[in-house]
Amino acid sequence: MHDHDDHHHHDHDKHYSDMQARVRALETLLTEKGLIDPSAIDAIVETYETKVGPRNGAQVVAKAWSDPAFADWLRRDATAAIASLGFTGRQGEHMRAVFNTPETHNLVVCTLCSCYPWAVLGLPPVWYKAPAYRSRAVIDPRGVLAEFGLTLPEGQKIRVWDSTAELRYLVIPERPAGTDSFSEAALADLVSRDAMIGTAIARAPEAAQ
């Protein structure tokens, strides 16, 4: 078992519906007092959850695909390599990049709470924090991936990485075929947040058009 230094900050993850109720009540109160605009809050959350953070990670992946020297650096010292692109900060101080191959698919989970690399992936999705994912990803990773719509070849093994307060993981998915002429920006468009957690693979070029 990992000793999560910030575990006590995440106790609410086990009762996230209660926390959601508290947040909703607080939001209602602040809205009634005219202190916040709910639509603005929703826009900010949406940006960090699906745009800003994941786009950072996608740039890391795209550079690893197109620059062998950077990919090697990422393997040796992911924290420094990622920081060289300007992506640093809380929840991303200590990083490790794990590379998918035809033989091995990587999947990231945090079994005790919800440790997550905010600097490169933004806010964690609700399902990442859910007890069902945190337990089943370790016990039955192939079944969990199937529920996400990802069916891997029987011969490809799945390696599960357990994030901690001290170390967080970024999955580098396999580069799709037919992308040899793609720019880094075009490659980044093929990379989703879920692919960098391991519950998906990179999009095929035709799927991104």
N, C-alpha and C. Protein backbone atom coordinates (compact mmCIF):
# COMPACT_ATOMS: atom_id res chain seq x y z
N MET A 1 0.85 -1.18 0.00
CA MET A 1 0.00 0.00 0.00
C MET A 1 0.89 1.24 0.00
N HIS A 2 0.46 2.26 -0.73
CA HIS A 2 1.23 3.48 -0.79
C HIS A 2 0.83 4.41 0.34
N ASP A 3 1.82 5.11 0.88
CA ASP A 3 1.56 6.09 1.91
C ASP A 3 1.36 7.44 1.24
N HIS A 4 0.12 7.82 0.98
CA HIS A 4 -0.17 9.07 0.32
C HIS A 4 -0.12 10.21 1.33
N ASP A 5 0.84 11.12 1.16
CA ASP A 5 0.95 12.23 2.08
C ASP A 5 -0.32 13.07 2.10
N ASP A 6 -0.99 13.16 0.94
CA ASP A 6 -2.16 14.03 0.88
C ASP A 6 -3.45 13.22 0.93
N HIS A 7 -3.39 12.01 1.48
CA HIS A 7 -4.58 11.17 1.49
C HIS A 7 -5.72 11.83 2.24
N HIS A 8 -5.40 12.52 3.34
CA HIS A 8 -6.47 13.10 4.13
C HIS A 8 -7.19 14.20 3.37
N HIS A 9 -6.55 14.76 2.32
CA HIS A 9 -7.22 15.77 1.52
C HIS A 9 -8.22 15.15 0.56
N HIS A 10 -8.15 13.84 0.40
CA HIS A 10 -8.97 13.20 -0.61
C HIS A 10 -10.01 12.27 -0.01
N ASP A 11 -10.24 12.36 1.29
CA ASP A 11 -11.23 11.48 1.90
C ASP A 11 -12.59 11.64 1.24
N HIS A 12 -12.85 12.82 0.72
CA HIS A 12 -14.16 13.06 0.12
C HIS A 12 -14.37 12.22 -1.13
N ASP A 13 -13.28 11.73 -1.73
CA ASP A 13 -13.42 10.94 -2.95
C ASP A 13 -14.27 9.70 -2.71
N LYS A 14 -14.23 9.17 -1.48
CA LYS A 14 -15.00 7.99 -1.18
C LYS A 14 -16.48 8.31 -1.03
N HIS A 15 -16.79 9.60 -0.88
CA HIS A 15 -18.17 10.05 -0.71
C HIS A 15 -18.41 11.24 -1.63
N TYR A 16 -17.99 11.09 -2.87
CA TYR A 16 -18.00 12.24 -3.77
C TYR A 16 -19.39 12.78 -4.02
N SER A 17 -20.45 11.98 -3.86
CA SER A 17 -21.79 12.51 -4.06
C SER A 17 -22.12 13.52 -2.96
N ASP A 18 -21.65 13.27 -1.73
CA ASP A 18 -21.86 14.22 -0.64
C ASP A 18 -21.12 15.53 -0.93
N MET A 19 -19.91 15.41 -1.40
CA MET A 19 -19.14 16.61 -1.70
C MET A 19 -19.80 17.39 -2.83
N GLN A 20 -20.29 16.68 -3.84
CA GLN A 20 -20.97 17.37 -4.93
C GLN A 20 -22.18 18.14 -4.41
N ALA A 21 -22.89 17.53 -3.45
CA ALA A 21 -24.05 18.21 -2.87
C ALA A 21 -23.62 19.47 -2.13
N ARG A 22 -22.51 19.40 -1.41
CA ARG A 22 -22.01 20.57 -0.68
C ARG A 22 -21.58 21.67 -1.65
N VAL A 23 -20.90 21.27 -2.72
CA VAL A 23 -20.46 22.25 -3.71
C VAL A 23 -21.67 22.91 -4.35
N ARG A 24 -22.68 22.12 -4.66
CA ARG A 24 -23.88 22.67 -5.28
C ARG A 24 -24.58 23.66 -4.35
N ALA A 25 -24.63 23.31 -3.06
CA ALA A 25 -25.26 24.21 -2.10
C ALA A 25 -24.48 25.52 -1.98
N LEU A 26 -23.15 25.42 -1.96
CA LEU A 26 -22.32 26.61 -1.87
C LEU A 26 -22.48 27.47 -3.13
N GLU A 27 -22.49 26.82 -4.28
CA GLU A 27 -22.65 27.54 -5.54
C GLU A 27 -23.99 28.28 -5.56
N THR A 28 -25.05 27.60 -5.09
CA THR A 28 -26.38 28.22 -5.05
C THR A 28 -26.38 29.45 -4.17
N LEU A 29 -25.76 29.34 -3.00
CA LEU A 29 -25.70 30.46 -2.06
C LEU A 29 -24.95 31.64 -2.67
N LEU A 30 -23.79 31.36 -3.25
CA LEU A 30 -22.99 32.44 -3.83
C LEU A 30 -23.68 33.07 -5.04
N THR A 31 -24.42 32.25 -5.79
CA THR A 31 -25.16 32.77 -6.94
C THR A 31 -26.29 33.69 -6.47
N GLU A 32 -27.01 33.26 -5.43
CA GLU A 32 -28.10 34.07 -4.90
C GLU A 32 -27.60 35.42 -4.39
N LYS A 33 -26.37 35.44 -3.88
CA LYS A 33 -25.79 36.69 -3.38
C LYS A 33 -25.15 37.52 -4.50
N GLY A 34 -25.18 36.96 -5.72
CA GLY A 34 -24.63 37.68 -6.86
C GLY A 34 -23.12 37.72 -6.91
N LEU A 35 -22.49 36.77 -6.22
CA LEU A 35 -21.03 36.78 -6.15
C LEU A 35 -20.37 35.97 -7.26
N ILE A 36 -21.09 35.03 -7.85
CA ILE A 36 -20.53 34.24 -8.95
C ILE A 36 -21.57 34.08 -10.05
N ASP A 37 -21.07 33.79 -11.24
CA ASP A 37 -21.92 33.48 -12.39
C ASP A 37 -21.74 31.99 -12.70
N PRO A 38 -22.76 31.16 -12.47
CA PRO A 38 -22.61 29.71 -12.69
C PRO A 38 -22.10 29.35 -14.07
N SER A 39 -22.54 30.09 -15.10
CA SER A 39 -22.09 29.77 -16.46
C SER A 39 -20.60 30.01 -16.61
N ALA A 40 -20.09 31.03 -15.92
CA ALA A 40 -18.65 31.31 -15.97
C ALA A 40 -17.87 30.21 -15.28
N ILE A 41 -18.37 29.73 -14.14
CA ILE A 41 -17.72 28.63 -13.42
C ILE A 41 -17.70 27.38 -14.29
N ASP A 42 -18.83 27.08 -14.93
CA ASP A 42 -18.91 25.90 -15.80
C ASP A 42 -17.90 26.00 -16.93
N ALA A 43 -17.76 27.19 -17.49
CA ALA A 43 -16.83 27.38 -18.61
C ALA A 43 -15.39 27.17 -18.16
N ILE A 44 -15.07 27.66 -16.96
CA ILE A 44 -13.71 27.49 -16.44
C ILE A 44 -13.40 26.02 -16.20
N VAL A 45 -14.34 25.32 -15.57
CA VAL A 45 -14.15 23.89 -15.31
C VAL A 45 -14.00 23.12 -16.61
N GLU A 46 -14.86 23.43 -17.59
CA GLU A 46 -14.80 22.75 -18.88
C GLU A 46 -13.44 22.98 -19.55
N THR A 47 -12.94 24.20 -19.45
CA THR A 47 -11.65 24.52 -20.07
C THR A 47 -10.53 23.69 -19.47
N TYR A 48 -10.46 23.65 -18.15
CA TYR A 48 -9.38 22.93 -17.50
C TYR A 48 -9.56 21.41 -17.59
N GLU A 49 -10.81 20.97 -17.71
CA GLU A 49 -11.06 19.53 -17.73
C GLU A 49 -10.80 18.93 -19.10
N THR A 50 -11.10 19.67 -20.16
CA THR A 50 -11.05 19.07 -21.49
C THR A 50 -10.14 19.79 -22.48
N LYS A 51 -9.67 21.00 -22.16
CA LYS A 51 -8.92 21.76 -23.14
C LYS A 51 -7.49 22.06 -22.70
N VAL A 52 -7.33 22.94 -21.73
CA VAL A 52 -5.99 23.40 -21.36
C VAL A 52 -5.08 22.27 -20.94
N GLY A 53 -5.47 21.52 -19.90
CA GLY A 53 -4.63 20.45 -19.40
C GLY A 53 -4.33 19.38 -20.42
N PRO A 54 -5.35 18.73 -20.97
CA PRO A 54 -5.09 17.68 -21.94
C PRO A 54 -4.30 18.15 -23.17
N ARG A 55 -4.47 19.40 -23.56
CA ARG A 55 -3.70 19.90 -24.70
C ARG A 55 -2.21 19.94 -24.35
N ASN A 56 -1.89 20.25 -23.10
CA ASN A 56 -0.49 20.24 -22.68
C ASN A 56 0.10 18.84 -22.84
N GLY A 57 -0.61 17.86 -22.29
CA GLY A 57 -0.15 16.48 -22.39
C GLY A 57 -0.02 16.02 -23.83
N ALA A 58 -0.98 16.43 -24.65
CA ALA A 58 -0.95 16.04 -26.07
C ALA A 58 0.30 16.59 -26.76
N GLN A 59 0.73 17.79 -26.37
CA GLN A 59 1.95 18.35 -26.94
C GLN A 59 3.17 17.54 -26.52
N VAL A 60 3.18 17.06 -25.28
CA VAL A 60 4.28 16.22 -24.82
C VAL A 60 4.34 14.94 -25.64
N VAL A 61 3.19 14.31 -25.84
CA VAL A 61 3.13 13.07 -26.61
C VAL A 61 3.58 13.31 -28.05
N ALA A 62 3.07 14.36 -28.66
CA ALA A 62 3.41 14.65 -30.06
C ALA A 62 4.91 14.88 -30.23
N LYS A 63 5.52 15.57 -29.28
CA LYS A 63 6.96 15.80 -29.38
C LYS A 63 7.73 14.49 -29.19
N ALA A 64 7.24 13.64 -28.30
CA ALA A 64 7.89 12.33 -28.10
C ALA A 64 7.80 11.49 -29.36
N TRP A 65 6.68 11.57 -30.05
CA TRP A 65 6.52 10.81 -31.30
C TRP A 65 7.44 11.31 -32.41
N SER A 66 7.67 12.61 -32.44
CA SER A 66 8.39 13.20 -33.58
C SER A 66 9.86 13.49 -33.30
N ASP A 67 10.26 13.42 -32.03
CA ASP A 67 11.64 13.75 -31.66
C ASP A 67 12.22 12.63 -30.79
N PRO A 68 13.00 11.72 -31.39
CA PRO A 68 13.55 10.59 -30.62
C PRO A 68 14.38 11.02 -29.42
N ALA A 69 15.11 12.13 -29.54
CA ALA A 69 15.93 12.60 -28.42
C ALA A 69 15.04 13.02 -27.25
N PHE A 70 13.94 13.68 -27.57
CA PHE A 70 13.01 14.08 -26.51
C PHE A 70 12.35 12.85 -25.89
N ALA A 71 12.00 11.88 -26.72
CA ALA A 71 11.38 10.65 -26.19
C ALA A 71 12.34 9.95 -25.23
N ASP A 72 13.61 9.92 -25.59
CA ASP A 72 14.61 9.30 -24.70
C ASP A 72 14.72 10.07 -23.38
N TRP A 73 14.72 11.39 -23.47
CA TRP A 73 14.77 12.22 -22.27
C TRP A 73 13.53 11.97 -21.41
N LEU A 74 12.39 11.84 -22.06
CA LEU A 74 11.13 11.60 -21.35
C LEU A 74 11.18 10.27 -20.59
N ARG A 75 11.81 9.28 -21.19
CA ARG A 75 11.96 7.98 -20.51
C ARG A 75 12.87 8.09 -19.30
N ARG A 76 13.93 8.87 -19.44
CA ARG A 76 14.93 8.97 -18.37
C ARG A 76 14.52 9.92 -17.25
N ASP A 77 13.91 11.04 -17.62
CA ASP A 77 13.56 12.07 -16.63
C ASP A 77 12.34 12.83 -17.13
N ALA A 78 11.18 12.24 -16.93
CA ALA A 78 9.95 12.83 -17.45
C ALA A 78 9.68 14.20 -16.85
N THR A 79 10.00 14.37 -15.57
CA THR A 79 9.74 15.65 -14.91
C THR A 79 10.48 16.78 -15.62
N ALA A 80 11.76 16.57 -15.90
CA ALA A 80 12.55 17.61 -16.55
C ALA A 80 12.13 17.80 -18.00
N ALA A 81 11.87 16.72 -18.71
CA ALA A 81 11.49 16.82 -20.12
C ALA A 81 10.18 17.58 -20.27
N ILE A 82 9.21 17.27 -19.41
CA ILE A 82 7.92 17.95 -19.47
C ILE A 82 8.07 19.41 -19.07
N ALA A 83 8.88 19.67 -18.07
CA ALA A 83 9.11 21.06 -17.62
C ALA A 83 9.76 21.89 -18.71
N SER A 84 10.55 21.27 -19.58
CA SER A 84 11.21 22.01 -20.65
C SER A 84 10.21 22.60 -21.64
N LEU A 85 9.00 22.04 -21.66
CA LEU A 85 7.95 22.57 -22.52
C LEU A 85 7.07 23.59 -21.79
N GLY A 86 7.42 23.85 -20.53
CA GLY A 86 6.70 24.86 -19.77
C GLY A 86 5.55 24.33 -18.94
N PHE A 87 5.45 23.00 -18.82
CA PHE A 87 4.33 22.42 -18.09
C PHE A 87 4.81 21.93 -16.72
N THR A 88 4.59 22.75 -15.73
CA THR A 88 5.00 22.42 -14.38
C THR A 88 3.92 22.87 -13.42
N GLY A 89 4.11 22.59 -12.15
CA GLY A 89 3.19 23.08 -11.14
C GLY A 89 2.72 21.99 -10.22
N ARG A 90 1.83 22.37 -9.32
CA ARG A 90 1.30 21.44 -8.32
C ARG A 90 0.67 20.24 -8.99
N GLN A 91 0.85 19.07 -8.41
CA GLN A 91 0.33 17.79 -8.91
C GLN A 91 1.10 17.29 -10.13
N GLY A 92 2.20 17.98 -10.47
CA GLY A 92 2.99 17.51 -11.60
C GLY A 92 4.48 17.64 -11.36
N GLU A 93 4.86 17.71 -10.08
CA GLU A 93 6.27 17.92 -9.75
C GLU A 93 7.13 16.70 -10.04
N HIS A 94 6.58 15.51 -9.88
CA HIS A 94 7.34 14.27 -10.05
C HIS A 94 6.58 13.37 -11.01
N MET A 95 7.10 13.27 -12.23
CA MET A 95 6.40 12.56 -13.30
C MET A 95 7.21 11.39 -13.83
N ARG A 96 6.50 10.40 -14.32
CA ARG A 96 7.12 9.30 -15.05
C ARG A 96 6.29 9.02 -16.29
N ALA A 97 6.93 8.92 -17.43
CA ALA A 97 6.25 8.60 -18.68
C ALA A 97 6.38 7.10 -18.95
N VAL A 98 5.27 6.46 -19.27
CA VAL A 98 5.28 5.04 -19.62
C VAL A 98 4.78 4.89 -21.05
N PHE A 99 5.52 4.16 -21.85
CA PHE A 99 5.27 4.09 -23.29
C PHE A 99 4.54 2.82 -23.67
N ASN A 100 3.42 2.98 -24.37
CA ASN A 100 2.73 1.81 -24.91
C ASN A 100 3.52 1.21 -26.06
N THR A 101 3.46 -0.10 -26.18
CA THR A 101 4.11 -0.81 -27.28
C THR A 101 3.14 -1.88 -27.78
N PRO A 102 3.43 -2.52 -28.90
CA PRO A 102 2.56 -3.61 -29.35
C PRO A 102 2.46 -4.74 -28.32
N GLU A 103 3.47 -4.86 -27.47
CA GLU A 103 3.47 -5.93 -26.46
C GLU A 103 2.80 -5.53 -25.15
N THR A 104 2.84 -4.23 -24.81
CA THR A 104 2.37 -3.79 -23.50
C THR A 104 1.53 -2.52 -23.61
N HIS A 105 0.37 -2.55 -22.96
CA HIS A 105 -0.48 -1.37 -22.85
C HIS A 105 -0.47 -0.92 -21.40
N ASN A 106 -0.30 0.37 -21.17
CA ASN A 106 -0.22 0.91 -19.82
C ASN A 106 -1.53 1.59 -19.41
N LEU A 107 -1.88 1.40 -18.13
CA LEU A 107 -3.09 1.98 -17.58
C LEU A 107 -2.76 2.61 -16.23
N VAL A 108 -3.25 3.82 -16.00
CA VAL A 108 -2.94 4.54 -14.76
C VAL A 108 -4.18 4.61 -13.87
N VAL A 109 -3.95 4.44 -12.58
CA VAL A 109 -5.00 4.52 -11.58
C VAL A 109 -4.38 5.08 -10.31
N CYS A 110 -5.22 5.55 -9.41
CA CYS A 110 -4.76 5.88 -8.05
C CYS A 110 -5.69 5.12 -7.11
N THR A 111 -5.19 4.06 -6.52
CA THR A 111 -6.07 3.15 -5.77
C THR A 111 -6.53 3.71 -4.44
N LEU A 112 -5.78 4.64 -3.87
CA LEU A 112 -6.15 5.14 -2.54
C LEU A 112 -6.93 6.45 -2.57
N CYS A 113 -6.66 7.29 -3.57
CA CYS A 113 -7.39 8.56 -3.61
C CYS A 113 -7.58 8.97 -5.06
N SER A 114 -6.96 10.07 -5.49
CA SER A 114 -7.13 10.49 -6.88
C SER A 114 -5.94 11.30 -7.36
N CYS A 115 -4.73 10.86 -7.03
CA CYS A 115 -3.52 11.55 -7.49
C CYS A 115 -3.50 11.56 -9.01
N TYR A 116 -3.18 12.72 -9.59
CA TYR A 116 -3.40 12.93 -11.02
C TYR A 116 -2.50 14.08 -11.48
N PRO A 117 -1.91 13.99 -12.66
CA PRO A 117 -0.97 15.03 -13.13
C PRO A 117 -1.69 16.23 -13.75
N TRP A 118 -2.13 17.14 -12.93
CA TRP A 118 -2.91 18.28 -13.41
C TRP A 118 -2.16 19.10 -14.46
N ALA A 119 -0.85 19.23 -14.34
CA ALA A 119 -0.09 20.09 -15.25
C ALA A 119 -0.20 19.65 -16.70
N VAL A 120 -0.38 18.34 -16.92
CA VAL A 120 -0.44 17.86 -18.30
C VAL A 120 -1.80 17.29 -18.68
N LEU A 121 -2.67 17.04 -17.71
CA LEU A 121 -3.98 16.47 -18.04
C LEU A 121 -5.16 17.30 -17.56
N GLY A 122 -4.91 18.40 -16.85
CA GLY A 122 -6.01 19.20 -16.36
C GLY A 122 -6.68 18.55 -15.16
N LEU A 123 -7.97 18.78 -15.00
CA LEU A 123 -8.70 18.21 -13.88
C LEU A 123 -9.02 16.74 -14.14
N PRO A 124 -8.98 15.91 -13.11
CA PRO A 124 -9.30 14.49 -13.31
C PRO A 124 -10.77 14.28 -13.62
N PRO A 125 -11.09 13.35 -14.50
CA PRO A 125 -12.50 13.05 -14.76
C PRO A 125 -13.15 12.40 -13.55
N VAL A 126 -14.45 12.51 -13.46
CA VAL A 126 -15.18 11.96 -12.32
C VAL A 126 -14.92 10.47 -12.16
N TRP A 127 -14.90 9.74 -13.28
CA TRP A 127 -14.74 8.29 -13.19
C TRP A 127 -13.37 7.89 -12.63
N TYR A 128 -12.35 8.73 -12.82
CA TYR A 128 -11.01 8.42 -12.31
C TYR A 128 -11.02 8.40 -10.79
N LYS A 129 -11.87 9.22 -10.18
CA LYS A 129 -11.95 9.31 -8.73
C LYS A 129 -12.93 8.30 -8.13
N ALA A 130 -13.73 7.68 -8.96
CA ALA A 130 -14.77 6.78 -8.45
C ALA A 130 -14.17 5.50 -7.87
N PRO A 131 -14.69 5.03 -6.74
CA PRO A 131 -14.18 3.80 -6.12
C PRO A 131 -14.21 2.60 -7.07
N ALA A 132 -15.21 2.52 -7.93
CA ALA A 132 -15.32 1.38 -8.85
C ALA A 132 -14.11 1.31 -9.78
N TYR A 133 -13.71 2.45 -10.36
CA TYR A 133 -12.55 2.45 -11.24
C TYR A 133 -11.28 2.16 -10.46
N ARG A 134 -11.14 2.79 -9.30
CA ARG A 134 -9.92 2.65 -8.52
C ARG A 134 -9.66 1.21 -8.07
N SER A 135 -10.70 0.46 -7.87
CA SER A 135 -10.52 -0.93 -7.44
C SER A 135 -10.47 -1.88 -8.63
N ARG A 136 -11.36 -1.72 -9.58
CA ARG A 136 -11.47 -2.68 -10.68
C ARG A 136 -10.34 -2.55 -11.70
N ALA A 137 -9.75 -1.36 -11.81
CA ALA A 137 -8.66 -1.20 -12.77
C ALA A 137 -7.49 -2.11 -12.44
N VAL A 138 -7.32 -2.40 -11.17
CA VAL A 138 -6.23 -3.28 -10.73
C VAL A 138 -6.65 -4.75 -10.85
N ILE A 139 -7.89 -5.05 -10.47
CA ILE A 139 -8.36 -6.43 -10.44
C ILE A 139 -8.67 -6.96 -11.83
N ASP A 140 -9.31 -6.15 -12.65
CA ASP A 140 -9.76 -6.58 -13.97
C ASP A 140 -9.53 -5.48 -15.00
N PRO A 141 -8.27 -5.13 -15.28
CA PRO A 141 -8.01 -4.03 -16.21
C PRO A 141 -8.55 -4.26 -17.61
N ARG A 142 -8.49 -5.49 -18.09
CA ARG A 142 -8.99 -5.77 -19.44
C ARG A 142 -10.49 -5.55 -19.51
N GLY A 143 -11.20 -5.96 -18.46
CA GLY A 143 -12.64 -5.75 -18.43
C GLY A 143 -12.99 -4.28 -18.35
N VAL A 144 -12.23 -3.52 -17.55
CA VAL A 144 -12.47 -2.08 -17.43
C VAL A 144 -12.25 -1.39 -18.77
N LEU A 145 -11.18 -1.75 -19.46
CA LEU A 145 -10.90 -1.14 -20.76
C LEU A 145 -12.00 -1.46 -21.76
N ALA A 146 -12.53 -2.66 -21.69
CA ALA A 146 -13.63 -3.04 -22.59
C ALA A 146 -14.84 -2.16 -22.35
N GLU A 147 -15.08 -1.80 -21.10
CA GLU A 147 -16.21 -0.92 -20.78
C GLU A 147 -15.98 0.48 -21.33
N PHE A 148 -14.74 0.87 -21.52
CA PHE A 148 -14.44 2.14 -22.15
C PHE A 148 -14.46 2.04 -23.68
N GLY A 149 -14.73 0.84 -24.18
CA GLY A 149 -14.77 0.63 -25.62
C GLY A 149 -13.43 0.26 -26.22
N LEU A 150 -12.48 -0.11 -25.38
CA LEU A 150 -11.15 -0.47 -25.86
C LEU A 150 -10.90 -1.95 -25.64
N THR A 151 -10.86 -2.70 -26.72
CA THR A 151 -10.58 -4.13 -26.66
C THR A 151 -9.19 -4.38 -27.22
N LEU A 152 -8.30 -4.82 -26.38
CA LEU A 152 -6.91 -5.04 -26.78
C LEU A 152 -6.71 -6.47 -27.27
N PRO A 153 -5.70 -6.68 -28.11
CA PRO A 153 -5.38 -8.05 -28.54
C PRO A 153 -5.07 -8.93 -27.33
N GLU A 154 -5.45 -10.17 -27.40
CA GLU A 154 -5.23 -11.09 -26.28
C GLU A 154 -3.76 -11.20 -25.90
N GLY A 155 -2.89 -11.09 -26.86
CA GLY A 155 -1.46 -11.25 -26.58
C GLY A 155 -0.81 -10.01 -26.01
N GLN A 156 -1.51 -8.89 -25.98
CA GLN A 156 -0.94 -7.65 -25.44
C GLN A 156 -1.22 -7.58 -23.94
N LYS A 157 -0.17 -7.54 -23.15
CA LYS A 157 -0.37 -7.50 -21.70
C LYS A 157 -0.70 -6.08 -21.25
N ILE A 158 -1.33 -5.97 -20.11
CA ILE A 158 -1.70 -4.68 -19.56
C ILE A 158 -0.91 -4.46 -18.27
N ARG A 159 -0.23 -3.35 -18.18
CA ARG A 159 0.49 -3.01 -16.96
C ARG A 159 -0.20 -1.84 -16.28
N VAL A 160 -0.55 -2.01 -15.02
CA VAL A 160 -1.27 -0.98 -14.28
C VAL A 160 -0.30 -0.24 -13.37
N TRP A 161 -0.34 1.08 -13.44
CA TRP A 161 0.55 1.94 -12.64
C TRP A 161 -0.29 2.68 -11.61
N ASP A 162 0.11 2.61 -10.35
CA ASP A 162 -0.63 3.21 -9.25
C ASP A 162 0.00 4.55 -8.86
N SER A 163 -0.65 5.64 -9.21
CA SER A 163 -0.14 6.97 -8.89
C SER A 163 -0.14 7.19 -7.38
N THR A 164 0.79 8.01 -6.94
CA THR A 164 0.87 8.35 -5.51
C THR A 164 1.07 9.85 -5.38
N ALA A 165 1.11 10.31 -4.14
CA ALA A 165 1.38 11.73 -3.90
C ALA A 165 2.79 12.10 -4.34
N GLU A 166 3.67 11.10 -4.39
CA GLU A 166 5.07 11.36 -4.74
C GLU A 166 5.37 11.18 -6.23
N LEU A 167 4.54 10.44 -6.94
CA LEU A 167 4.84 10.13 -8.33
C LEU A 167 3.57 9.95 -9.14
N ARG A 168 3.51 10.64 -10.27
CA ARG A 168 2.35 10.54 -11.16
C ARG A 168 2.81 10.10 -12.55
N TYR A 169 1.89 9.49 -13.29
CA TYR A 169 2.25 8.86 -14.56
C TYR A 169 1.54 9.51 -15.75
N LEU A 170 2.23 9.48 -16.88
CA LEU A 170 1.67 9.92 -18.15
C LEU A 170 1.89 8.80 -19.15
N VAL A 171 0.81 8.29 -19.73
CA VAL A 171 0.92 7.25 -20.74
C VAL A 171 1.22 7.89 -22.09
N ILE A 172 2.24 7.38 -22.76
CA ILE A 172 2.55 7.80 -24.12
C ILE A 172 1.98 6.73 -25.05
N PRO A 173 0.84 7.00 -25.68
CA PRO A 173 0.23 5.98 -26.55
C PRO A 173 1.08 5.71 -27.78
N GLU A 174 0.81 4.60 -28.44
CA GLU A 174 1.52 4.30 -29.68
C GLU A 174 1.12 5.30 -30.76
N ARG A 175 2.09 5.67 -31.57
CA ARG A 175 1.81 6.60 -32.67
C ARG A 175 0.99 5.89 -33.74
N PRO A 176 -0.11 6.47 -34.19
CA PRO A 176 -0.93 5.82 -35.22
C PRO A 176 -0.19 5.70 -36.55
N ALA A 177 -0.50 4.67 -37.28
CA ALA A 177 0.08 4.49 -38.60
C ALA A 177 -0.43 5.58 -39.55
N GLY A 178 0.37 5.87 -40.55
CA GLY A 178 -0.04 6.85 -41.55
C GLY A 178 0.14 8.29 -41.12
N THR A 179 1.00 8.53 -40.13
CA THR A 179 1.18 9.91 -39.63
C THR A 179 2.61 10.40 -39.83
N ASP A 180 3.37 9.76 -40.69
CA ASP A 180 4.78 10.13 -40.87
C ASP A 180 4.95 11.58 -41.30
N SER A 181 4.01 12.11 -42.05
CA SER A 181 4.15 13.47 -42.57
C SER A 181 3.47 14.51 -41.68
N PHE A 182 2.91 14.10 -40.56
CA PHE A 182 2.17 15.00 -39.69
C PHE A 182 3.10 15.93 -38.91
N SER A 183 2.67 17.16 -38.75
CA SER A 183 3.38 18.10 -37.89
C SER A 183 3.08 17.75 -36.43
N GLU A 184 3.83 18.35 -35.50
CA GLU A 184 3.56 18.10 -34.09
C GLU A 184 2.15 18.55 -33.71
N ALA A 185 1.70 19.66 -34.29
CA ALA A 185 0.35 20.16 -33.99
C ALA A 185 -0.71 19.17 -34.46
N ALA A 186 -0.49 18.60 -35.65
CA ALA A 186 -1.44 17.62 -36.18
C ALA A 186 -1.42 16.35 -35.36
N LEU A 187 -0.25 15.95 -34.92
CA LEU A 187 -0.14 14.76 -34.08
C LEU A 187 -0.85 14.97 -32.74
N ALA A 188 -0.71 16.16 -32.17
CA ALA A 188 -1.35 16.44 -30.89
C ALA A 188 -2.86 16.31 -30.98
N ASP A 189 -3.41 16.60 -32.15
CA ASP A 189 -4.86 16.49 -32.33
C ASP A 189 -5.35 15.05 -32.23
N LEU A 190 -4.44 14.09 -32.34
CA LEU A 190 -4.82 12.68 -32.28
C LEU A 190 -4.80 12.13 -30.85
N VAL A 191 -4.35 12.95 -29.91
CA VAL A 191 -4.14 12.48 -28.54
C VAL A 191 -5.23 13.00 -27.60
N SER A 192 -5.93 12.11 -26.97
CA SER A 192 -6.98 12.49 -26.02
C SER A 192 -6.50 12.34 -24.58
N ARG A 193 -7.21 12.96 -23.67
CA ARG A 193 -6.91 12.78 -22.25
C ARG A 193 -6.94 11.31 -21.87
N ASP A 194 -7.98 10.59 -22.33
CA ASP A 194 -8.13 9.19 -21.94
C ASP A 194 -6.97 8.34 -22.47
N ALA A 195 -6.43 8.69 -23.64
CA ALA A 195 -5.28 7.95 -24.18
C ALA A 195 -4.06 8.12 -23.30
N MET A 196 -3.97 9.27 -22.62
CA MET A 196 -2.82 9.53 -21.74
C MET A 196 -3.00 8.96 -20.34
N ILE A 197 -4.21 8.48 -20.05
CA ILE A 197 -4.47 7.72 -18.83
C ILE A 197 -4.36 6.23 -19.13
N GLY A 198 -4.68 5.87 -20.38
CA GLY A 198 -4.59 4.48 -20.79
C GLY A 198 -5.92 3.82 -21.03
N THR A 199 -7.02 4.57 -20.92
CA THR A 199 -8.34 3.98 -21.16
C THR A 199 -8.76 4.13 -22.62
N ALA A 200 -7.86 4.62 -23.44
CA ALA A 200 -8.11 4.74 -24.89
C ALA A 200 -6.76 4.68 -25.59
N ILE A 201 -6.80 4.65 -26.90
CA ILE A 201 -5.58 4.75 -27.71
C ILE A 201 -5.68 6.01 -28.55
N ALA A 202 -4.60 6.39 -29.16
CA ALA A 202 -4.60 7.59 -30.00
C ALA A 202 -5.54 7.39 -31.19
N ARG A 203 -6.15 8.47 -31.60
CA ARG A 203 -7.09 8.41 -32.72
C ARG A 203 -6.35 8.16 -34.04
N ALA A 204 -6.98 7.42 -34.92
CA ALA A 204 -6.43 7.23 -36.26
C ALA A 204 -6.57 8.54 -37.02
N PRO A 205 -5.69 8.80 -37.99
CA PRO A 205 -5.74 10.09 -38.72
C PRO A 205 -7.11 10.39 -39.31
N GLU A 206 -7.76 9.40 -39.89
CA GLU A 206 -9.06 9.63 -40.51
C GLU A 206 -10.13 9.97 -39.49
N ALA A 207 -9.96 9.49 -38.25
CA ALA A 207 -10.96 9.76 -37.22
C ALA A 207 -10.86 11.20 -36.72
N ALA A 208 -9.72 11.83 -36.93
CA ALA A 208 -9.53 13.21 -36.46
C ALA A 208 -9.97 14.23 -37.48
N GLN A 209 -10.31 13.78 -38.67
CA GLN A 209 -10.70 14.72 -39.73
C GLN A 209 -12.18 15.06 -39.64
